[in-house]
Structures are given as structure tokens and as C-alpha cells.
């Protein structure tokens, strides 16, 4: 008989499967090396000094960085009272290729002021006034009776008379027309000053989501998805006898302004009162600037109103800084200093 192995050896051998026994030494070596490496890593991380708050660089791009390069030291909000955080601004270009400034500034050869309306009628309305034969019976039945004073916001402010008298414009562009309140006021002010400017009203005449809930008494009910703002605007203009001067351009502000730029249609006075968020206002102001004649003036609404929502005022202020202009608040309106001659425009 073979001698029986010791009790301890028998239990140890039975605890390890037979197929693992040949690799037992290698596994043991790996575990030892892993344990040593892990221990060294813990010791290294615990002895390494953490960076002081004053050594931390935080880059926070915002609108101010588009104008200047600077390093600002401010107190750290989540550190000790004596610690500081250095905010390093990045150098952003004032002009393209940065998307915020990628707007066309050179436009087509200028069309004579007295040829502006005929040019637009030819390009947009097949050479015929949109007021001719307006309104057809089926449309007239849907509209509200024309009002002498349509619904508007700040549409009769003193800024209109002041600027029209000072600039004496031959062409006025209005961004955001709604029912025609400010356009008709500008036409009346011009007539009192013996002026007869073309007033181009750019608006898609679609309103905005849920606007009808607030202005149900001022606008006609929709018809087959049509907001009917354009025919109501035209009915108000025609009733006031201003259809010879006030021309609606029923397109988005961006597409209409780019077309005016391409065709060489320039304005002496531009009112901006369309979208009130920053991006819409910023786009409108930059695109409109290209079609403003040198010496002309741009102004707009909602500089000091709840509708601004930190959009219009922010866009106007930034634009003025970039262009080296001054902003003059005028009640709820803002007025930019006149466009300098030779300032990115071929208009004469």
C-alpha cells in the first residue's frame, strides 16, 4: 500500500483544481506584481501637491471677448477668501471668418431713390402694384374694418418726427410692420414735412406662435392656415391713402435685406422692430446696416421694454461697440449715430 499523505497536504491539493495547478506559480507572481504597483500608485498620488486655485486657468468666452484681449483676476467663489482665479480671454477676430461677424457689407450699385419702388414692383410683383384691384371680394369679407390707428407699440413716439425731420429721407425701410401703425405714422409725419419717401415694410406677415390669443380683436381669423396679416395691413394702408408710398415686402427680414443689398436698394432711415431675441436683432441690424446710405440713421424699438428680454439692447450695444458708434436712448427706442461715409457701402 502507498503511504497516505499528510492531512494538510491532502486538503490543500483538493482545494486547487488539477488544471490550475500547473499555472499556480504564474498567477501568484502576477498578483504580487499587481499589488506592488497599486501600492506605489497610491503612495505617489497621496504625496503629489494639488494645484493652488491661483494657478487654475479658466476660459469663458462671451461677447466681451470678441472686442478685447485681457486677463482678469477675480476672487474664486469655491476657494478660500484669499485665493484668486485668473480668467484668460481668447483673441477673437473682429471680422470674418468669425461667424458672429460674417455679414455682407458691400452691396450692388445704388438704384436712384425715385426708381426704388418701380424696381421692386418689377422684381417682386411683375411690375404691378399689389394694391391694384385690392381687396378682392372674397378677401374683403374676411378682414376687419380698416382702422385709422391700427394696433402697434411705440408707433407714434416723438423719435419718428425727430429723425424724419433731421434726415429728410427719400427711402425708409421698416423691419417688422404688423398692421402698419408705425408705417402710417411715418407717412403722415413725412407728408406734414412736405416729404414723400418710399416706405418699404419688410415682414413675413405671419405673426408669431399664439399671437392671435392676445390680439384677437385686432387681427382677422385665419383662413386655410393664412394669418391674413398682409391683406389686413394693405387694407389699413389703402384706407389711409398711403398706398402710393407704403410698399409691403412680404418676406423674412434676412431674405429681403439680402435682396435689397444685391439689387442696390439703399435707405436713408431704417427702423428695426422685428424679432426681439438677441440673434434675430443682431442679424437684422447687421444686414440692414449694409443697405443704409452713408449719413443715414438706424433706430429701433424695445430698448427699454419688457419685450427686450436682454436681446435687443444687448445686440444694439455690441453692434455699436464693434462699429465705433454711439447709442442714444430715446424713450423706448434706440438711435445709432449716423453711418460714416465710406463705411462698407457703395451707396452714394
Protein backbone atom coordinates (compact mmCIF):
# COMPACT_ATOMS: atom_id res chain seq x y z
CA UNK A 1 0.00 0.00 0.00
CA UNK A 2 1.04 3.54 -0.73
CA UNK A 3 1.53 5.70 2.33
CA UNK A 4 -1.30 8.17 2.93
CA UNK A 5 -0.31 11.85 2.50
CA UNK A 6 -0.45 14.18 5.46
CA UNK A 7 -3.88 15.62 6.21
CA UNK A 8 -2.85 19.22 5.44
CA UNK A 9 -1.38 18.31 2.07
CA UNK A 10 -4.47 16.38 1.10
CA UNK A 11 -6.86 19.28 1.82
CA UNK A 12 -4.62 21.85 0.04
CA UNK A 13 -4.30 19.72 -3.07
CA UNK A 14 -8.01 19.03 -3.23
CA UNK A 15 -8.77 22.79 -2.92
CA UNK A 16 -6.94 23.63 -6.16
CA UNK A 17 -8.34 22.07 -9.36
CA UNK A 18 -5.92 19.83 -11.18
CA UNK A 19 -5.94 22.02 -14.38
CA UNK A 20 -4.98 25.16 -12.43
CA UNK A 21 -2.06 23.62 -10.55
CA UNK A 22 0.49 23.98 -13.42
CA UNK A 23 -0.27 27.77 -13.63
CA UNK A 24 -0.39 28.46 -9.92
CA UNK A 25 3.10 29.91 -9.74
CA UNK A 26 2.46 32.36 -12.63
CA UNK A 27 -0.85 33.53 -11.14
CA UNK A 28 0.79 34.10 -7.80
CA UNK A 29 3.58 36.16 -9.41
CA UNK A 30 1.05 38.34 -11.29
CA UNK A 31 -0.93 39.06 -8.13
CA UNK A 32 2.23 40.05 -6.27
CA UNK A 33 3.36 42.43 -9.05
CA UNK A 34 -0.13 43.97 -9.30
CA UNK A 35 -0.28 44.54 -5.54
CA UNK A 36 3.12 46.24 -5.55
CA UNK A 37 2.21 48.52 -8.48
CA UNK A 38 -1.12 49.51 -6.95
CA UNK A 39 0.56 50.35 -3.64
CA UNK A 40 3.14 52.53 -5.36
CA UNK A 41 0.40 54.37 -7.24
CA UNK A 42 -1.46 55.20 -4.05
CA UNK A 43 1.71 56.46 -2.42
CA UNK A 44 2.50 58.65 -5.44
CA UNK A 45 -0.95 60.27 -5.62
CA UNK A 46 -1.08 60.99 -1.92
CA UNK A 47 2.28 62.81 -1.92
CA UNK A 48 1.67 64.93 -5.11
CA UNK A 49 0.62 68.53 -4.24
CA UNK A 50 -2.74 69.68 -5.62
CA UNK A 51 -2.68 72.86 -7.78
CA UNK A 52 -3.40 76.08 -5.95
CA UNK A 53 -6.55 77.95 -7.06
CA UNK A 54 -4.44 80.86 -8.30
CA UNK A 55 -2.77 78.52 -10.82
CA UNK A 56 -6.04 77.44 -12.43
CA UNK A 57 -6.81 78.94 -15.85
CA UNK A 58 -10.46 79.11 -16.87
CA UNK A 59 -11.53 80.16 -20.34
CA UNK A 60 -15.06 81.51 -20.54
CA UNK A 61 -15.77 83.00 -23.98
CA UNK A 62 -18.53 85.60 -24.07
CA UNK A 63 -19.41 88.69 -26.09
CA UNK A 64 -16.83 90.93 -24.41
CA UNK A 65 -14.05 88.64 -25.61
CA UNK A 66 -14.98 89.48 -29.18
CA UNK A 67 -13.80 93.02 -28.63
CA UNK A 68 -10.68 92.88 -26.47
CA UNK A 69 -7.99 90.54 -25.20
CA UNK A 70 -7.35 90.61 -21.48
CA UNK A 71 -6.54 88.58 -18.40
CA UNK A 72 -8.72 89.30 -15.40
CA UNK A 73 -8.10 88.19 -11.83
CA UNK A 74 -11.23 87.68 -9.79
CA UNK A 75 -11.95 86.10 -6.38
CA UNK A 76 -12.60 82.38 -6.55
CA UNK A 77 -16.11 81.54 -5.43
CA UNK A 78 -15.32 77.99 -4.30
CA UNK A 79 -11.96 78.52 -2.62
CA UNK A 80 -10.57 80.42 0.32
CA UNK A 81 -11.12 84.16 0.57
CA UNK A 82 -7.53 84.92 -0.34
CA UNK A 83 -7.46 82.64 -3.41
CA UNK A 84 -7.98 84.03 -6.89
CA UNK A 85 -8.84 82.66 -10.31
CA UNK A 86 -7.26 84.03 -13.46
CA UNK A 87 -9.67 84.20 -16.38
CA UNK A 88 -7.82 84.32 -19.68
CA UNK A 89 -9.73 85.64 -22.67
CA UNK A 90 -9.04 84.31 -26.13
CA UNK A 91 -8.28 86.54 -29.07
CA UNK A 92 -11.34 86.54 -31.32
CA UNK A 93 -11.28 88.37 -34.66
CA UNK A 94 -13.46 91.45 -35.14
CA UNK A 95 -14.37 90.37 -38.68
CA UNK A 96 -14.79 87.17 -40.71
CA UNK A 97 -14.11 84.29 -40.53
CA UNK A 98 -15.79 84.51 -37.11
CA UNK A 99 -19.44 83.63 -37.74
CA UNK A 100 -20.77 86.36 -35.49
CA UNK A 101 -19.49 88.98 -37.94
CA UNK A 102 -19.98 87.15 -41.23
CA UNK A 103 -22.32 89.63 -42.89
CA UNK A 104 -22.12 91.16 -46.32
CA UNK A 105 -21.12 94.82 -46.29
CA UNK A 106 -20.62 95.58 -49.98
CA UNK A 107 -23.83 95.83 -51.99
CA UNK A 108 -24.79 96.48 -55.59
CA UNK A 109 -24.60 99.75 -57.45
CA UNK A 110 -27.21 102.07 -55.93
CA UNK A 111 -30.59 102.50 -57.56
CA UNK A 112 -31.79 106.10 -57.75
CA UNK A 113 -34.27 106.89 -54.98
CA UNK A 114 -37.10 107.66 -57.39
CA UNK A 115 -36.52 104.30 -59.10
CA UNK A 116 -36.69 102.20 -55.93
CA UNK A 117 -40.42 101.48 -55.99
CA UNK A 118 -40.57 100.74 -59.75
CA UNK A 119 -37.58 98.44 -59.36
CA UNK A 120 -39.20 96.50 -56.55
CA UNK A 121 -42.55 96.31 -58.31
CA UNK A 122 -40.82 94.84 -61.34
CA UNK A 123 -38.79 92.31 -59.35
CA UNK A 124 -41.41 91.27 -56.81
CA UNK A 125 -44.88 91.97 -58.24
CA UNK A 126 -44.48 91.55 -62.01
CA UNK A 127 -44.46 95.32 -62.45
CA UNK A 128 -47.91 95.83 -60.95
CA UNK A 129 -48.81 97.48 -57.65
CA UNK A 130 -50.09 94.94 -55.12
CA UNK A 131 -52.84 97.44 -54.26
CA UNK A 132 -54.31 97.32 -57.74
CA UNK A 133 -57.80 95.77 -57.51
CA UNK A 134 -57.35 95.20 -53.79
CA UNK A 135 -59.11 93.75 -51.93
CA UNK A 136 -60.96 91.12 -53.94
CA UNK A 137 -64.47 90.41 -52.62
CA UNK A 138 -63.62 87.05 -51.07
CA UNK A 139 -60.76 88.64 -49.09
CA UNK A 140 -62.64 91.80 -48.11
CA UNK A 141 -65.29 89.68 -46.41
CA UNK A 142 -62.65 88.20 -44.07
CA UNK A 143 -60.96 91.40 -42.93
CA UNK A 144 -61.67 93.72 -40.03
CA UNK A 145 -62.77 97.24 -40.97
CA UNK A 146 -59.65 99.34 -41.54
CA UNK A 147 -58.70 101.48 -38.57
CA UNK A 148 -57.29 104.97 -38.70
CA UNK A 149 -54.91 103.99 -35.89
CA UNK A 150 -54.05 100.26 -36.16
CA UNK A 151 -52.66 98.38 -33.20
CA UNK A 152 -48.94 98.98 -32.61
CA UNK A 153 -46.27 99.51 -29.95
CA UNK A 154 -44.49 102.85 -29.58
CA UNK A 155 -45.58 103.56 -33.14
CA UNK A 156 -46.22 107.28 -32.67
CA UNK A 157 -43.25 108.17 -30.48
CA UNK A 158 -41.50 111.51 -30.88
CA UNK A 159 -38.43 109.76 -32.29
CA UNK A 160 -40.14 109.32 -35.68
CA UNK A 161 -40.82 113.01 -36.26
CA UNK A 162 -37.40 113.99 -34.92
CA UNK A 163 -35.46 111.67 -37.21
CA UNK A 164 -37.58 112.23 -40.31
CA UNK A 165 -37.17 115.98 -39.94
CA UNK A 166 -33.41 115.65 -39.36
CA UNK A 167 -32.65 113.07 -42.07
CA UNK A 168 -35.34 114.06 -44.59
CA UNK A 169 -35.28 110.57 -46.09
CA UNK A 170 -36.19 109.62 -49.62
CA UNK A 171 -36.31 105.90 -48.77
CA UNK A 172 -37.31 104.40 -45.40
CA UNK A 173 -37.02 100.70 -44.56
CA UNK A 174 -39.05 99.27 -41.71
CA UNK A 175 -38.30 95.80 -40.29
CA UNK A 176 -41.42 94.46 -38.62
CA UNK A 177 -44.67 96.04 -39.81
CA UNK A 178 -47.52 94.02 -38.24
CA UNK A 179 -50.69 96.04 -39.01
CA UNK A 180 -48.98 99.21 -40.29
CA UNK A 181 -49.22 101.55 -37.30
CA UNK A 182 -45.67 102.95 -37.44
CA UNK A 183 -45.56 102.94 -41.25
CA UNK A 184 -48.71 105.06 -41.44
CA UNK A 185 -47.40 107.39 -38.75
CA UNK A 186 -44.15 107.89 -40.68
CA UNK A 187 -46.13 108.56 -43.86
CA UNK A 188 -48.22 111.19 -42.06
CA UNK A 189 -45.18 112.86 -40.48
CA UNK A 190 -43.44 112.94 -43.86
CA UNK A 191 -46.47 114.49 -45.52
CA UNK A 192 -46.57 117.22 -42.87
CA UNK A 193 -42.94 117.99 -43.73
CA UNK A 194 -43.73 118.07 -47.47
CA UNK A 195 -41.77 114.84 -47.95
CA UNK A 196 -42.87 111.78 -49.88
CA UNK A 197 -40.44 108.95 -49.11
CA UNK A 198 -40.88 105.38 -50.23
CA UNK A 199 -41.58 103.34 -47.08
CA UNK A 200 -40.61 99.70 -47.56
CA UNK A 201 -42.20 97.47 -44.91
CA UNK A 202 -40.42 94.13 -44.53
CA UNK A 203 -42.39 91.49 -42.66
CA UNK A 204 -43.39 87.91 -43.37
CA UNK A 205 -46.86 88.87 -42.13
CA UNK A 206 -47.25 85.53 -40.36
CA UNK A 207 -47.17 86.86 -36.82
CA UNK A 208 -45.68 84.52 -34.23
CA UNK A 209 -46.95 81.43 -32.43
CA UNK A 210 -50.03 82.13 -30.29
CA UNK A 211 -50.07 85.87 -31.11
CA UNK A 212 -53.75 85.61 -32.04
CA UNK A 213 -54.75 84.77 -28.46
CA UNK A 214 -53.57 88.22 -27.38
CA UNK A 215 -54.70 90.28 -30.37
CA UNK A 216 -57.87 88.54 -31.45
CA UNK A 217 -59.75 91.86 -31.72
CA UNK A 218 -57.06 93.37 -33.95
CA UNK A 219 -56.47 90.63 -36.50
CA UNK A 220 -58.84 88.66 -38.71
CA UNK A 221 -59.39 84.95 -38.09
CA UNK A 222 -57.04 82.68 -40.06
CA UNK A 223 -58.17 81.16 -43.31
CA UNK A 224 -56.71 77.84 -44.51
CA UNK A 225 -53.57 78.47 -42.49
CA UNK A 226 -53.18 82.03 -43.77
CA UNK A 227 -52.83 84.55 -40.94
CA UNK A 228 -54.32 87.26 -43.23
CA UNK A 229 -51.98 89.87 -41.75
CA UNK A 230 -50.78 91.01 -45.17
CA UNK A 231 -54.25 91.83 -46.54
CA UNK A 232 -55.21 93.48 -43.24
CA UNK A 233 -52.02 95.58 -43.40
CA UNK A 234 -52.78 96.54 -47.00
CA UNK A 235 -56.41 97.39 -46.15
CA UNK A 236 -55.20 99.73 -43.38
CA UNK A 237 -52.68 101.39 -45.71
CA UNK A 238 -55.20 101.79 -48.53
CA UNK A 239 -57.83 103.26 -46.19
CA UNK A 240 -55.29 105.86 -45.03
CA UNK A 241 -54.50 106.81 -48.63
CA UNK A 242 -50.84 105.87 -48.19
CA UNK A 243 -50.70 103.09 -50.78
CA UNK A 244 -48.61 105.23 -53.14
CA UNK A 245 -45.78 105.40 -50.58
CA UNK A 246 -46.05 102.35 -48.31
CA UNK A 247 -45.00 99.12 -50.03
CA UNK A 248 -45.11 95.76 -48.22
CA UNK A 249 -42.28 93.31 -48.84
CA UNK A 250 -43.79 90.03 -47.55
CA UNK A 251 -40.62 88.09 -46.84
CA UNK A 252 -38.36 87.31 -43.90
CA UNK A 253 -36.16 90.21 -42.87
CA UNK A 254 -32.96 88.34 -43.75
CA UNK A 255 -34.01 87.31 -47.26
CA UNK A 256 -35.48 90.73 -48.09
CA UNK A 257 -32.46 92.67 -46.84
CA UNK A 258 -30.07 90.44 -48.76
CA UNK A 259 -32.12 91.01 -51.90
CA UNK A 260 -32.13 94.80 -51.40
CA UNK A 261 -28.36 94.66 -50.96
CA UNK A 262 -27.92 92.67 -54.16
CA UNK A 263 -30.20 94.99 -56.13
CA UNK A 264 -28.60 98.19 -54.82
CA UNK A 265 -31.68 99.43 -52.96
CA UNK A 266 -30.49 101.69 -50.12
CA UNK A 267 -32.34 103.56 -47.39
CA UNK A 268 -31.74 106.85 -45.63
CA UNK A 269 -33.61 105.81 -42.50
CA UNK A 270 -34.11 102.28 -41.15
CA UNK A 271 -36.35 101.22 -38.27
CA UNK A 272 -35.63 97.83 -36.68
CA UNK A 273 -38.58 96.33 -34.82
CA UNK A 274 -38.87 92.67 -35.80
CA UNK A 275 -37.50 89.76 -33.73
CA UNK A 276 -36.66 90.62 -30.12
CA UNK A 277 -34.23 87.84 -29.24
CA UNK A 278 -30.52 88.58 -29.50
CA UNK A 279 -29.78 86.52 -32.60
CA UNK A 280 -32.70 87.92 -34.62
CA UNK A 281 -31.94 91.51 -33.63
CA UNK A 282 -28.21 91.05 -34.25
CA UNK A 283 -28.83 89.63 -37.72
CA UNK A 284 -31.36 92.33 -38.64
CA UNK A 285 -29.09 95.17 -37.52
CA UNK A 286 -26.05 93.85 -39.38
CA UNK A 287 -27.93 93.08 -42.59
CA UNK A 288 -29.75 96.42 -42.51
CA UNK A 289 -26.51 98.32 -41.93
CA UNK A 290 -25.31 97.20 -45.36
CA UNK A 291 -28.24 98.91 -47.12
CA UNK A 292 -28.10 102.10 -45.05
CA UNK A 293 -26.69 105.01 -47.01
CA UNK A 294 -23.66 106.81 -45.57
CA UNK A 295 -25.03 109.61 -43.43
CA UNK A 296 -28.23 107.64 -42.85
CA UNK A 297 -29.59 106.70 -39.45
CA UNK A 298 -30.74 103.40 -37.99
CA UNK A 299 -33.05 103.24 -34.99
CA UNK A 300 -35.39 100.76 -33.39
CA UNK A 301 -37.84 99.86 -30.67
CA UNK A 302 -37.68 97.86 -27.42
CA UNK A 303 -34.52 99.31 -25.93
CA UNK A 304 -36.26 99.80 -22.59
CA UNK A 305 -39.26 97.46 -22.59
CA UNK A 306 -40.07 94.05 -21.17
CA UNK A 307 -40.10 92.62 -24.71
CA UNK A 308 -36.36 93.24 -24.93
CA UNK A 309 -35.62 90.23 -22.71
CA UNK A 310 -31.91 91.11 -22.79
CA UNK A 311 -31.86 90.61 -26.55
CA UNK A 312 -32.39 93.84 -28.47
CA UNK A 313 -30.43 96.05 -26.10
CA UNK A 314 -27.54 93.58 -25.99
CA UNK A 315 -27.41 93.35 -29.80
CA UNK A 316 -27.53 97.13 -30.25
CA UNK A 317 -24.84 97.74 -27.64
CA UNK A 318 -22.49 95.14 -29.10
CA UNK A 319 -23.02 96.43 -32.65
CA UNK A 320 -22.25 99.98 -31.58
CA UNK A 321 -19.02 98.85 -29.89
CA UNK A 322 -17.89 96.89 -32.91
CA UNK A 323 -18.64 99.72 -35.37
CA UNK A 324 -17.43 102.53 -33.15
CA UNK A 325 -20.86 104.15 -32.96
CA UNK A 326 -22.81 105.74 -30.15
CA UNK A 327 -26.24 104.65 -28.93
CA UNK A 328 -28.73 107.31 -27.89
CA UNK A 329 -31.73 106.04 -25.94
CA UNK A 330 -34.94 107.84 -26.91
CA UNK A 331 -37.77 106.70 -24.67
CA UNK A 332 -38.42 103.07 -25.58
CA UNK A 333 -36.33 103.48 -28.74
CA UNK A 334 -32.62 103.42 -29.54
CA UNK A 335 -30.86 105.57 -32.13
CA UNK A 336 -27.41 104.92 -33.58
CA UNK A 337 -25.14 107.73 -34.67
CA UNK A 338 -25.21 108.35 -38.47
CA UNK A 339 -23.40 105.87 -40.67
CA UNK A 340 -19.94 107.21 -41.54
CA UNK A 341 -19.11 107.84 -45.18
CA UNK A 342 -17.03 105.14 -46.80
CA UNK A 343 -18.17 102.64 -44.16
CA UNK A 344 -18.61 99.36 -46.03
CA UNK A 345 -21.15 100.60 -48.57
CA UNK A 346 -21.03 101.55 -52.21
CA UNK A 347 -24.10 103.81 -51.92
CA UNK A 348 -23.66 107.46 -52.77
